[in-house]
N, C-alpha and C. Protein backbone atom coordinates (compact mmCIF):
# COMPACT_ATOMS: atom_id res chain seq x y z
N MET A 1 0.83 -1.18 0.00
CA MET A 1 0.00 0.00 0.00
C MET A 1 0.88 1.25 0.00
N ASP A 2 1.33 1.59 -1.15
CA ASP A 2 2.19 2.74 -1.32
C ASP A 2 1.33 3.99 -1.47
N LYS A 3 1.55 4.96 -0.62
CA LYS A 3 0.79 6.21 -0.72
C LYS A 3 1.48 7.14 -1.71
N SER A 4 0.78 7.47 -2.73
CA SER A 4 1.33 8.40 -3.72
C SER A 4 0.99 9.82 -3.30
N PRO A 5 1.74 10.79 -3.78
CA PRO A 5 1.42 12.20 -3.46
C PRO A 5 0.03 12.59 -3.94
N LYS A 6 -0.42 11.98 -5.04
CA LYS A 6 -1.75 12.27 -5.55
C LYS A 6 -2.82 11.84 -4.55
N HIS A 7 -2.63 10.67 -3.96
CA HIS A 7 -3.59 10.16 -2.98
C HIS A 7 -3.62 11.06 -1.74
N GLU A 8 -2.47 11.50 -1.27
CA GLU A 8 -2.41 12.37 -0.10
C GLU A 8 -3.10 13.70 -0.36
N ALA A 9 -2.92 14.23 -1.54
CA ALA A 9 -3.56 15.50 -1.88
C ALA A 9 -5.07 15.35 -1.89
N THR A 10 -5.56 14.22 -2.39
CA THR A 10 -7.00 13.99 -2.42
C THR A 10 -7.55 13.90 -1.00
N THR A 11 -6.84 13.20 -0.13
CA THR A 11 -7.27 13.07 1.26
C THR A 11 -7.27 14.44 1.94
N GLN A 12 -6.27 15.25 1.68
CA GLN A 12 -6.20 16.58 2.28
C GLN A 12 -7.31 17.48 1.75
N GLU A 13 -7.63 17.35 0.46
CA GLU A 13 -8.70 18.15 -0.11
C GLU A 13 -10.03 17.80 0.53
N ILE A 14 -10.27 16.52 0.72
CA ILE A 14 -11.52 16.07 1.34
C ILE A 14 -11.60 16.59 2.77
N ALA A 15 -10.50 16.50 3.51
CA ALA A 15 -10.48 16.98 4.89
C ALA A 15 -10.71 18.48 4.94
N ALA A 16 -10.20 19.20 3.95
CA ALA A 16 -10.38 20.66 3.94
C ALA A 16 -11.81 21.04 3.57
N GLU A 17 -12.49 20.24 2.78
CA GLU A 17 -13.85 20.55 2.35
C GLU A 17 -14.89 20.28 3.44
N GLN A 18 -14.65 19.35 4.32
CA GLN A 18 -15.63 18.97 5.33
C GLN A 18 -16.04 20.13 6.22
N PRO A 19 -15.12 20.93 6.76
CA PRO A 19 -15.58 22.07 7.58
C PRO A 19 -16.40 23.08 6.78
N ARG A 20 -16.05 23.28 5.51
CA ARG A 20 -16.83 24.21 4.69
C ARG A 20 -18.25 23.70 4.49
N GLU A 21 -18.38 22.40 4.24
CA GLU A 21 -19.71 21.82 4.06
C GLU A 21 -20.53 21.95 5.34
N GLN A 22 -19.90 21.70 6.48
CA GLN A 22 -20.59 21.81 7.77
C GLN A 22 -21.03 23.25 8.01
N ALA A 23 -20.15 24.21 7.70
CA ALA A 23 -20.50 25.62 7.88
C ALA A 23 -21.64 26.00 6.95
N SER A 24 -21.63 25.46 5.74
CA SER A 24 -22.69 25.76 4.78
C SER A 24 -24.03 25.20 5.27
N VAL A 25 -24.02 23.99 5.80
CA VAL A 25 -25.25 23.38 6.31
C VAL A 25 -25.78 24.19 7.49
N ASN A 26 -24.90 24.61 8.40
CA ASN A 26 -25.33 25.42 9.54
C ASN A 26 -25.89 26.75 9.08
N SER A 27 -25.26 27.35 8.10
CA SER A 27 -25.74 28.63 7.57
C SER A 27 -27.10 28.46 6.91
N ASP A 28 -27.25 27.41 6.11
CA ASP A 28 -28.53 27.14 5.45
C ASP A 28 -29.62 26.90 6.49
N TRP A 29 -29.32 26.13 7.52
CA TRP A 29 -30.31 25.81 8.54
C TRP A 29 -30.72 27.06 9.30
N SER A 30 -29.77 27.92 9.62
CA SER A 30 -30.13 29.15 10.34
C SER A 30 -30.95 30.08 9.46
N THR A 31 -30.70 30.07 8.16
CA THR A 31 -31.51 30.87 7.24
C THR A 31 -32.94 30.37 7.22
N ILE A 32 -33.11 29.05 7.16
CA ILE A 32 -34.45 28.46 7.15
C ILE A 32 -35.16 28.77 8.46
N GLN A 33 -34.46 28.64 9.58
CA GLN A 33 -35.08 28.93 10.87
C GLN A 33 -35.54 30.37 10.96
N SER A 34 -34.76 31.30 10.46
CA SER A 34 -35.15 32.71 10.53
C SER A 34 -36.35 32.99 9.62
N GLN A 35 -36.42 32.32 8.47
CA GLN A 35 -37.57 32.51 7.58
C GLN A 35 -38.84 31.96 8.22
N VAL A 36 -38.75 30.81 8.87
CA VAL A 36 -39.91 30.23 9.55
C VAL A 36 -40.34 31.12 10.70
N ALA A 37 -39.38 31.63 11.46
CA ALA A 37 -39.71 32.50 12.60
C ALA A 37 -40.44 33.76 12.13
N ARG A 38 -40.07 34.28 10.95
CA ARG A 38 -40.77 35.45 10.43
C ARG A 38 -42.16 35.09 9.92
N ALA A 39 -42.35 33.88 9.44
CA ALA A 39 -43.63 33.48 8.84
C ALA A 39 -44.66 33.06 9.88
N VAL A 40 -44.25 32.56 11.03
CA VAL A 40 -45.18 32.01 12.02
C VAL A 40 -46.22 33.02 12.49
N PRO A 41 -45.86 34.25 12.84
CA PRO A 41 -46.91 35.18 13.29
C PRO A 41 -47.97 35.44 12.21
N ARG A 42 -47.56 35.55 10.97
CA ARG A 42 -48.52 35.78 9.88
C ARG A 42 -49.40 34.55 9.68
N LEU A 43 -48.82 33.37 9.76
CA LEU A 43 -49.62 32.15 9.61
C LEU A 43 -50.61 32.00 10.76
N ARG A 44 -50.19 32.40 11.96
CA ARG A 44 -51.10 32.35 13.11
C ARG A 44 -52.27 33.30 12.90
N GLU A 45 -51.98 34.48 12.36
CA GLU A 45 -53.04 35.47 12.10
C GLU A 45 -54.02 34.93 11.05
N ILE A 46 -53.51 34.31 10.01
CA ILE A 46 -54.37 33.74 8.96
C ILE A 46 -55.24 32.63 9.53
N ALA A 47 -54.65 31.76 10.36
CA ALA A 47 -55.40 30.65 10.95
C ALA A 47 -56.49 31.16 11.88
N THR A 48 -56.19 32.19 12.66
CA THR A 48 -57.19 32.76 13.56
C THR A 48 -58.34 33.38 12.78
N THR A 49 -58.01 34.11 11.73
CA THR A 49 -59.05 34.73 10.89
C THR A 49 -59.93 33.67 10.26
N ALA A 50 -59.31 32.61 9.74
CA ALA A 50 -60.08 31.54 9.12
C ALA A 50 -60.98 30.84 10.13
N ALA A 51 -60.46 30.64 11.35
CA ALA A 51 -61.27 29.98 12.37
C ALA A 51 -62.45 30.84 12.80
N LEU A 52 -62.27 32.15 12.84
CA LEU A 52 -63.35 33.04 13.26
C LEU A 52 -64.37 33.29 12.15
N LEU A 53 -63.89 33.46 10.93
CA LEU A 53 -64.79 33.80 9.84
C LEU A 53 -65.35 32.58 9.09
N GLY A 54 -64.72 31.45 9.24
CA GLY A 54 -65.17 30.24 8.56
C GLY A 54 -66.63 29.90 8.83
N PRO A 55 -67.04 29.80 10.08
CA PRO A 55 -68.45 29.48 10.36
C PRO A 55 -69.42 30.55 9.86
N VAL A 56 -69.01 31.81 9.90
CA VAL A 56 -69.87 32.89 9.43
C VAL A 56 -70.08 32.79 7.92
N LEU A 57 -69.03 32.46 7.20
CA LEU A 57 -69.13 32.37 5.75
C LEU A 57 -69.79 31.07 5.29
N LEU A 58 -69.65 30.01 6.05
CA LEU A 58 -70.21 28.72 5.65
C LEU A 58 -71.67 28.54 6.08
N GLN A 59 -72.12 29.30 7.05
CA GLN A 59 -73.48 29.14 7.56
C GLN A 59 -74.55 29.31 6.48
N PRO A 60 -74.51 30.35 5.63
CA PRO A 60 -75.52 30.47 4.57
C PRO A 60 -75.52 29.29 3.61
N ILE A 61 -74.36 28.75 3.34
CA ILE A 61 -74.28 27.61 2.42
C ILE A 61 -74.91 26.38 3.05
N MET A 62 -74.70 26.18 4.34
CA MET A 62 -75.25 25.02 5.01
C MET A 62 -76.79 25.11 5.09
N TRP A 63 -77.32 26.31 5.17
CA TRP A 63 -78.76 26.48 5.27
C TRP A 63 -79.43 26.62 3.92
N GLY A 64 -78.67 26.45 2.85
CA GLY A 64 -79.25 26.52 1.51
C GLY A 64 -79.38 27.91 0.98
N GLY A 65 -78.75 28.89 1.61
CA GLY A 65 -78.85 30.27 1.17
C GLY A 65 -77.81 30.64 0.13
N GLY A 66 -76.94 29.69 -0.22
CA GLY A 66 -75.90 29.99 -1.18
C GLY A 66 -76.45 29.94 -2.60
N ARG A 67 -75.60 30.22 -3.56
CA ARG A 67 -76.01 30.19 -4.96
C ARG A 67 -76.37 28.77 -5.36
N GLY A 68 -77.33 28.64 -6.19
CA GLY A 68 -77.68 27.34 -6.72
C GLY A 68 -78.38 26.44 -5.72
N GLY A 69 -78.91 27.02 -4.69
CA GLY A 69 -79.62 26.23 -3.68
C GLY A 69 -80.90 25.66 -4.25
N CYS A 70 -81.39 24.60 -3.65
CA CYS A 70 -82.62 23.97 -4.13
C CYS A 70 -83.85 24.71 -3.70
């Protein structure tokens, strides 16, 4: 098992790339977390509005007051 200089360079390149990949993954994950954190309040507001207005908007349809009723 003779180690050639080419093999050593490849091993060193791989070792050098691993911290960069890890930093990239951490950076990507923190970006995703910050985007989700910004979106949650708006999604909560939409869900609350839908929960409050849903029954009001659906009630006429359930009672046959909507378009095309029998």
